[in-house]
């Protein structure tokens, strides 16, 4: 396999893996522990969860930007 194709496929795999891990962590914490559901019980936990969600999405976006910088 040519090095350019191999590098491109590695970027695709890394991107998919990081998105799946990000989704798994946020889904587990949000739905399993009930922080994604807005109710009267977990006000502080819900605010922390959604803050974490926004901040982690920002870092995921920065990772993609750095990873795909050479192909933009």
PDB file of N, CA and C in Angstrom:
ATOM      1  N   UNK A   1       0.841  -1.175   0.000  1.00  0.00           N
ATOM      2  CA  UNK A   1       0.000   0.000   0.000  1.00  0.00           C
ATOM      3  C   UNK A   1       0.894   1.249   0.000  1.00  0.00           C
ATOM      4  N   UNK A   2       0.481   2.226  -0.749  1.00  0.00           N
ATOM      5  CA  UNK A   2       1.263   3.450  -0.836  1.00  0.00           C
ATOM      6  C   UNK A   2       1.190   4.233   0.473  1.00  0.00           C
ATOM      7  N   UNK A   3       2.255   4.946   0.810  1.00  0.00           N
ATOM      8  CA  UNK A   3       2.291   5.671   2.080  1.00  0.00           C
ATOM      9  C   UNK A   3       1.199   6.742   2.207  1.00  0.00           C
ATOM     10  N   UNK A   4       0.846   7.401   1.108  1.00  0.00           N
ATOM     11  CA  UNK A   4      -0.179   8.440   1.177  1.00  0.00           C
ATOM     12  C   UNK A   4      -1.548   7.850   1.457  1.00  0.00           C
ATOM     13  N   UNK A   5      -1.833   6.716   0.841  1.00  0.00           N
ATOM     14  CA  UNK A   5      -3.116   6.041   1.066  1.00  0.00           C
ATOM     15  C   UNK A   5      -3.178   5.513   2.487  1.00  0.00           C
ATOM     16  N   UNK A   6      -2.081   4.958   2.948  1.00  0.00           N
ATOM     17  CA  UNK A   6      -2.019   4.433   4.315  1.00  0.00           C
ATOM     18  C   UNK A   6      -2.241   5.555   5.335  1.00  0.00           C
ATOM     19  N   UNK A   7      -1.609   6.702   5.111  1.00  0.00           N
ATOM     20  CA  UNK A   7      -1.774   7.845   6.007  1.00  0.00           C
ATOM     21  C   UNK A   7      -3.219   8.338   6.007  1.00  0.00           C
ATOM     22  N   UNK A   8      -3.831   8.379   4.840  1.00  0.00           N
ATOM     23  CA  UNK A   8      -5.221   8.813   4.724  1.00  0.00           C
ATOM     24  C   UNK A   8      -6.158   7.856   5.469  1.00  0.00           C
ATOM     25  N   UNK A   9      -5.943   6.561   5.304  1.00  0.00           N
ATOM     26  CA  UNK A   9      -6.780   5.576   5.992  1.00  0.00           C
ATOM     27  C   UNK A   9      -6.579   5.621   7.508  1.00  0.00           C
ATOM     28  N   UNK A  10      -5.357   5.882   7.943  1.00  0.00           N
ATOM     29  CA  UNK A  10      -5.106   6.013   9.379  1.00  0.00           C
ATOM     30  C   UNK A  10      -5.835   7.225   9.945  1.00  0.00           C
ATOM     31  N   UNK A  11      -5.891   8.303   9.191  1.00  0.00           N
ATOM     32  CA  UNK A  11      -6.630   9.482   9.644  1.00  0.00           C
ATOM     33  C   UNK A  11      -8.122   9.189   9.744  1.00  0.00           C
ATOM     34  N   UNK A  12      -8.651   8.439   8.803  1.00  0.00           N
ATOM     35  CA  UNK A  12     -10.063   8.073   8.835  1.00  0.00           C
ATOM     36  C   UNK A  12     -10.356   7.197  10.042  1.00  0.00           C
ATOM     37  N   UNK A  13      -9.519   6.200  10.273  1.00  0.00           N
ATOM     38  CA  UNK A  13      -9.723   5.291  11.407  1.00  0.00           C
ATOM     39  C   UNK A  13      -9.606   6.045  12.728  1.00  0.00           C
ATOM     40  N   UNK A  14      -8.616   6.910  12.842  1.00  0.00           N
ATOM     41  CA  UNK A  14      -8.435   7.685  14.064  1.00  0.00           C
ATOM     42  C   UNK A  14      -9.635   8.607  14.308  1.00  0.00           C
ATOM     43  N   UNK A  15     -10.154   9.196  13.257  1.00  0.00           N
ATOM     44  CA  UNK A  15     -11.315  10.077  13.385  1.00  0.00           C
ATOM     45  C   UNK A  15     -12.545   9.305  13.849  1.00  0.00           C
ATOM     46  N   UNK A  16     -12.791   8.164  13.227  1.00  0.00           N
ATOM     47  CA  UNK A  16     -13.940   7.349  13.621  1.00  0.00           C
ATOM     48  C   UNK A  16     -13.806   6.847  15.059  1.00  0.00           C
ATOM     49  N   UNK A  17     -12.616   6.402  15.418  1.00  0.00           N
ATOM     50  CA  UNK A  17     -12.389   5.900  16.769  1.00  0.00           C
ATOM     51  C   UNK A  17     -12.605   6.998  17.812  1.00  0.00           C
ATOM     52  N   UNK A  18     -12.086   8.185  17.554  1.00  0.00           N
ATOM     53  CA  UNK A  18     -12.221   9.265  18.537  1.00  0.00           C
ATOM     54  C   UNK A  18     -13.677   9.714  18.672  1.00  0.00           C
ATOM     55  N   UNK A  19     -14.421   9.752  17.572  1.00  0.00           N
ATOM     56  CA  UNK A  19     -15.833  10.123  17.653  1.00  0.00           C
ATOM     57  C   UNK A  19     -16.620   9.058  18.411  1.00  0.00           C
ATOM     58  N   UNK A  20     -16.339   7.804  18.143  1.00  0.00           N
ATOM     59  CA  UNK A  20     -17.065   6.735  18.840  1.00  0.00           C
ATOM     60  C   UNK A  20     -16.763   6.725  20.333  1.00  0.00           C
ATOM     61  N   UNK A  21     -15.527   6.946  20.712  1.00  0.00           N
ATOM     62  CA  UNK A  21     -15.181   7.001  22.131  1.00  0.00           C
ATOM     63  C   UNK A  21     -15.845   8.210  22.791  1.00  0.00           C
ATOM     64  N   UNK A  22     -15.824   9.355  22.100  1.00  0.00           N
ATOM     65  CA  UNK A  22     -16.472  10.564  22.626  1.00  0.00           C
ATOM     66  C   UNK A  22     -17.971  10.331  22.824  1.00  0.00           C
ATOM     67  N   UNK A  23     -18.611   9.726  21.836  1.00  0.00           N
ATOM     68  CA  UNK A  23     -20.040   9.441  21.949  1.00  0.00           C
ATOM     69  C   UNK A  23     -20.329   8.432  23.059  1.00  0.00           C
ATOM     70  N   UNK A  24     -19.499   7.410  23.176  1.00  0.00           N
ATOM     71  CA  UNK A  24     -19.691   6.391  24.201  1.00  0.00           C
ATOM     72  C   UNK A  24     -19.590   6.987  25.599  1.00  0.00           C
ATOM     73  N   UNK A  25     -18.581   7.802  25.830  1.00  0.00           N
ATOM     74  CA  UNK A  25     -18.403   8.418  27.148  1.00  0.00           C
ATOM     75  C   UNK A  25     -19.567   9.336  27.482  1.00  0.00           C
ATOM     76  N   UNK A  26     -19.949  10.185  26.534  1.00  0.00           N
ATOM     77  CA  UNK A  26     -21.017  11.140  26.804  1.00  0.00           C
ATOM     78  C   UNK A  26     -22.382  10.470  26.924  1.00  0.00           C
ATOM     79  N   UNK A  27     -22.616   9.435  26.145  1.00  0.00           N
ATOM     80  CA  UNK A  27     -23.871   8.707  26.261  1.00  0.00           C
ATOM     81  C   UNK A  27     -23.945   7.956  27.579  1.00  0.00           C
ATOM     82  N   UNK A  28     -22.869   7.326  27.960  1.00  0.00           N
ATOM     83  CA  UNK A  28     -22.844   6.593  29.223  1.00  0.00           C
ATOM     84  C   UNK A  28     -23.110   7.517  30.405  1.00  0.00           C
ATOM     85  N   UNK A  29     -22.375   8.610  30.461  1.00  0.00           N
ATOM     86  CA  UNK A  29     -22.533   9.531  31.584  1.00  0.00           C
ATOM     87  C   UNK A  29     -23.891  10.220  31.528  1.00  0.00           C
ATOM     88  N   UNK A  30     -24.311  10.621  30.341  1.00  0.00           N
ATOM     89  CA  UNK A  30     -25.558  11.366  30.215  1.00  0.00           C
ATOM     90  C   UNK A  30     -26.804  10.541  30.442  1.00  0.00           C
ATOM     91  N   UNK A  31     -26.865   9.376  29.838  1.00  0.00           N
ATOM     92  CA  UNK A  31     -28.091   8.587  29.935  1.00  0.00           C
ATOM     93  C   UNK A  31     -28.066   7.571  31.073  1.00  0.00           C
ATOM     94  N   UNK A  32     -26.965   6.903  31.252  1.00  0.00           N
ATOM     95  CA  UNK A  32     -26.892   5.883  32.308  1.00  0.00           C
ATOM     96  C   UNK A  32     -27.022   6.497  33.697  1.00  0.00           C
ATOM     97  N   UNK A  33     -26.354   7.612  33.910  1.00  0.00           N
ATOM     98  CA  UNK A  33     -26.399   8.250  35.215  1.00  0.00           C
ATOM     99  C   UNK A  33     -27.460   9.344  35.301  1.00  0.00           C
ATOM    100  N   UNK A  34     -28.145   9.620  34.194  1.00  0.00           N
ATOM    101  CA  UNK A  34     -29.272  10.537  34.206  1.00  0.00           C
ATOM    102  C   UNK A  34     -28.935  12.016  34.181  1.00  0.00           C
ATOM    103  N   UNK A  35     -27.734  12.370  33.759  1.00  0.00           N
ATOM    104  CA  UNK A  35     -27.365  13.784  33.741  1.00  0.00           C
ATOM    105  C   UNK A  35     -27.834  14.511  32.488  1.00  0.00           C
ATOM    106  N   UNK A  36     -28.153  13.786  31.416  1.00  0.00           N
ATOM    107  CA  UNK A  36     -28.592  14.429  30.180  1.00  0.00           C
ATOM    108  C   UNK A  36     -30.070  14.805  30.235  1.00  0.00           C
ATOM    109  N   UNK A  37     -30.793  14.222  31.144  1.00  0.00           N
ATOM    110  CA  UNK A  37     -32.226  14.480  31.263  1.00  0.00           C
ATOM    111  C   UNK A  37     -32.428  15.648  32.224  1.00  0.00           C
ATOM    112  N   UNK A  38     -33.093  16.670  31.736  1.00  0.00           N
ATOM    113  CA  UNK A  38     -33.302  17.873  32.545  1.00  0.00           C
ATOM    114  C   UNK A  38     -34.528  17.654  33.440  1.00  0.00           C
ATOM    115  N   UNK A  39     -34.257  17.527  34.730  1.00  0.00           N
ATOM    116  CA  UNK A  39     -35.304  17.354  35.730  1.00  0.00           C
ATOM    117  C   UNK A  39     -34.955  18.208  36.938  1.00  0.00           C
ATOM    118  N   UNK A  40     -35.731  18.116  37.966  1.00  0.00           N
ATOM    119  CA  UNK A  40     -35.497  18.888  39.179  1.00  0.00           C
ATOM    120  C   UNK A  40     -34.470  18.246  40.105  1.00  0.00           C
ATOM    121  N   UNK A  41     -34.075  17.005  39.833  1.00  0.00           N
ATOM    122  CA  UNK A  41     -33.180  16.281  40.736  1.00  0.00           C
ATOM    123  C   UNK A  41     -31.702  16.630  40.551  1.00  0.00           C
ATOM    124  N   UNK A  42     -31.240  16.630  39.331  1.00  0.00           N
ATOM    125  CA  UNK A  42     -29.801  16.741  39.046  1.00  0.00           C
ATOM    126  C   UNK A  42     -29.462  18.070  38.379  1.00  0.00           C
ATOM    127  N   UNK A  43     -29.810  19.160  38.969  1.00  0.00           N
ATOM    128  CA  UNK A  43     -29.561  20.461  38.345  1.00  0.00           C
ATOM    129  C   UNK A  43     -28.055  20.710  38.205  1.00  0.00           C
ATOM    130  N   UNK A  44     -27.310  20.525  39.276  1.00  0.00           N
ATOM    131  CA  UNK A  44     -25.870  20.758  39.238  1.00  0.00           C
ATOM    132  C   UNK A  44     -25.184  19.757  38.311  1.00  0.00           C
ATOM    133  N   UNK A  45     -25.559  18.501  38.400  1.00  0.00           N
ATOM    134  CA  UNK A  45     -24.974  17.478  37.534  1.00  0.00           C
ATOM    135  C   UNK A  45     -25.281  17.714  36.066  1.00  0.00           C
ATOM    136  N   UNK A  46     -26.488  18.184  35.782  1.00  0.00           N
ATOM    137  CA  UNK A  46     -26.862  18.468  34.399  1.00  0.00           C
ATOM    138  C   UNK A  46     -26.064  19.626  33.839  1.00  0.00           C
ATOM    139  N   UNK A  47     -25.872  20.669  34.622  1.00  0.00           N
ATOM    140  CA  UNK A  47     -25.078  21.813  34.176  1.00  0.00           C
ATOM    141  C   UNK A  47     -23.630  21.393  33.941  1.00  0.00           C
ATOM    142  N   UNK A  48     -23.073  20.611  34.835  1.00  0.00           N
ATOM    143  CA  UNK A  48     -21.697  20.124  34.674  1.00  0.00           C
ATOM    144  C   UNK A  48     -21.595  19.227  33.441  1.00  0.00           C
ATOM    145  N   UNK A  49     -22.594  18.363  33.235  1.00  0.00           N
ATOM    146  CA  UNK A  49     -22.572  17.459  32.076  1.00  0.00           C
ATOM    147  C   UNK A  49     -22.597  18.234  30.765  1.00  0.00           C
ATOM    148  N   UNK A  50     -23.504  19.188  30.641  1.00  0.00           N
ATOM    149  CA  UNK A  50     -23.589  19.935  29.385  1.00  0.00           C
ATOM    150  C   UNK A  50     -22.392  20.856  29.183  1.00  0.00           C
ATOM    151  N   UNK A  51     -21.816  21.348  30.248  1.00  0.00           N
ATOM    152  CA  UNK A  51     -20.582  22.119  30.126  1.00  0.00           C
ATOM    153  C   UNK A  51     -19.462  21.218  29.622  1.00  0.00           C
ATOM    154  N   UNK A  52     -19.358  20.028  30.213  1.00  0.00           N
ATOM    155  CA  UNK A  52     -18.369  19.046  29.757  1.00  0.00           C
ATOM    156  C   UNK A  52     -18.599  18.686  28.295  1.00  0.00           C
ATOM    157  N   UNK A  53     -19.845  18.523  27.896  1.00  0.00           N
ATOM    158  CA  UNK A  53     -20.172  18.151  26.528  1.00  0.00           C
ATOM    159  C   UNK A  53     -19.683  19.210  25.544  1.00  0.00           C
ATOM    160  N   UNK A  54     -19.905  20.466  25.847  1.00  0.00           N
ATOM    161  CA  UNK A  54     -19.480  21.552  24.961  1.00  0.00           C
ATOM    162  C   UNK A  54     -17.960  21.659  24.916  1.00  0.00           C
ATOM    163  N   UNK A  55     -17.312  21.582  26.075  1.00  0.00           N
ATOM    164  CA  UNK A  55     -15.855  21.694  26.128  1.00  0.00           C
ATOM    165  C   UNK A  55     -15.190  20.507  25.421  1.00  0.00           C
ATOM    166  N   UNK A  56     -15.699  19.307  25.650  1.00  0.00           N
ATOM    167  CA  UNK A  56     -15.097  18.143  25.007  1.00  0.00           C
ATOM    168  C   UNK A  56     -15.332  18.155  23.496  1.00  0.00           C
ATOM    169  N   UNK A  57     -16.472  18.669  23.056  1.00  0.00           N
ATOM    170  CA  UNK A  57     -16.707  18.793  21.617  1.00  0.00           C
ATOM    171  C   UNK A  57     -15.732  19.791  20.993  1.00  0.00           C
ATOM    172  N   UNK A  58     -15.446  20.856  21.710  1.00  0.00           N
ATOM    173  CA  UNK A  58     -14.478  21.839  21.224  1.00  0.00           C
ATOM    174  C   UNK A  58     -13.103  21.184  21.032  1.00  0.00           C
ATOM    175  N   UNK A  59     -12.660  20.392  22.014  1.00  0.00           N
ATOM    176  CA  UNK A  59     -11.365  19.735  21.895  1.00  0.00           C
ATOM    177  C   UNK A  59     -11.374  18.650  20.815  1.00  0.00           C
ATOM    178  N   UNK A  60     -12.507  17.980  20.625  1.00  0.00           N
ATOM    179  CA  UNK A  60     -12.625  17.013  19.540  1.00  0.00           C
ATOM    180  C   UNK A  60     -12.514  17.714  18.190  1.00  0.00           C
ATOM    181  N   UNK A  61     -13.139  18.869  18.067  1.00  0.00           N
ATOM    182  CA  UNK A  61     -13.053  19.653  16.843  1.00  0.00           C
ATOM    183  C   UNK A  61     -11.617  20.112  16.590  1.00  0.00           C
ATOM    184  N   UNK A  62     -10.927  20.556  17.641  1.00  0.00           N
ATOM    185  CA  UNK A  62      -9.525  20.969  17.511  1.00  0.00           C
ATOM    186  C   UNK A  62      -8.647  19.783  17.078  1.00  0.00           C
ATOM    187  N   UNK A  63      -8.934  18.603  17.608  1.00  0.00           N
ATOM    188  CA  UNK A  63      -8.199  17.404  17.213  1.00  0.00           C
ATOM    189  C   UNK A  63      -8.396  17.122  15.734  1.00  0.00           C
ATOM    190  N   UNK A  64      -9.644  17.210  15.261  1.00  0.00           N
ATOM    191  CA  UNK A  64      -9.908  16.986  13.843  1.00  0.00           C
ATOM    192  C   UNK A  64      -9.252  18.037  12.978  1.00  0.00           C
ATOM    193  N   UNK A  65      -9.268  19.257  13.428  1.00  0.00           N
ATOM    194  CA  UNK A  65      -8.653  20.330  12.663  1.00  0.00           C
ATOM    195  C   UNK A  65      -7.152  20.096  12.520  1.00  0.00           C
ATOM    196  N   UNK A  66      -6.505  19.693  13.611  1.00  0.00           N
ATOM    197  CA  UNK A  66      -5.074  19.413  13.565  1.00  0.00           C
ATOM    198  C   UNK A  66      -4.778  18.159  12.742  1.00  0.00           C
ATOM    199  N   UNK A  67      -5.625  17.141  12.872  1.00  0.00           N
ATOM    200  CA  UNK A  67      -5.414  15.884  12.177  1.00  0.00           C
ATOM    201  C   UNK A  67      -5.570  16.038  10.661  1.00  0.00           C
ATOM    202  N   UNK A  68      -6.553  16.798  10.236  1.00  0.00           N
ATOM    203  CA  UNK A  68      -6.843  16.939   8.818  1.00  0.00           C
ATOM    204  C   UNK A  68      -6.272  18.224   8.231  1.00  0.00           C
ATOM    205  N   UNK A  69      -5.369  18.865   8.913  1.00  0.00           N
ATOM    206  CA  UNK A  69      -4.803  20.127   8.447  1.00  0.00           C
ATOM    207  C   UNK A  69      -4.120  19.990   7.092  1.00  0.00           C
ATOM    208  N   UNK A  70      -3.435  18.897   6.859  1.00  0.00           N
ATOM    209  CA  UNK A  70      -2.712  18.730   5.609  1.00  0.00           C
ATOM    210  C   UNK A  70      -3.626  18.405   4.431  1.00  0.00           C
ATOM    211  N   UNK A  71      -4.886  18.038   4.693  1.00  0.00           N
ATOM    212  CA  UNK A  71      -5.804  17.676   3.612  1.00  0.00           C
ATOM    213  C   UNK A  71      -6.883  18.715   3.380  1.00  0.00           C
ATOM    214  N   UNK A  72      -6.808  19.876   4.011  1.00  0.00           N
ATOM    215  CA  UNK A  72      -7.844  20.900   3.806  1.00  0.00           C
ATOM    216  C   UNK A  72      -7.517  21.825   2.689  1.00  0.00           C
TER     217      UNK A  72
END
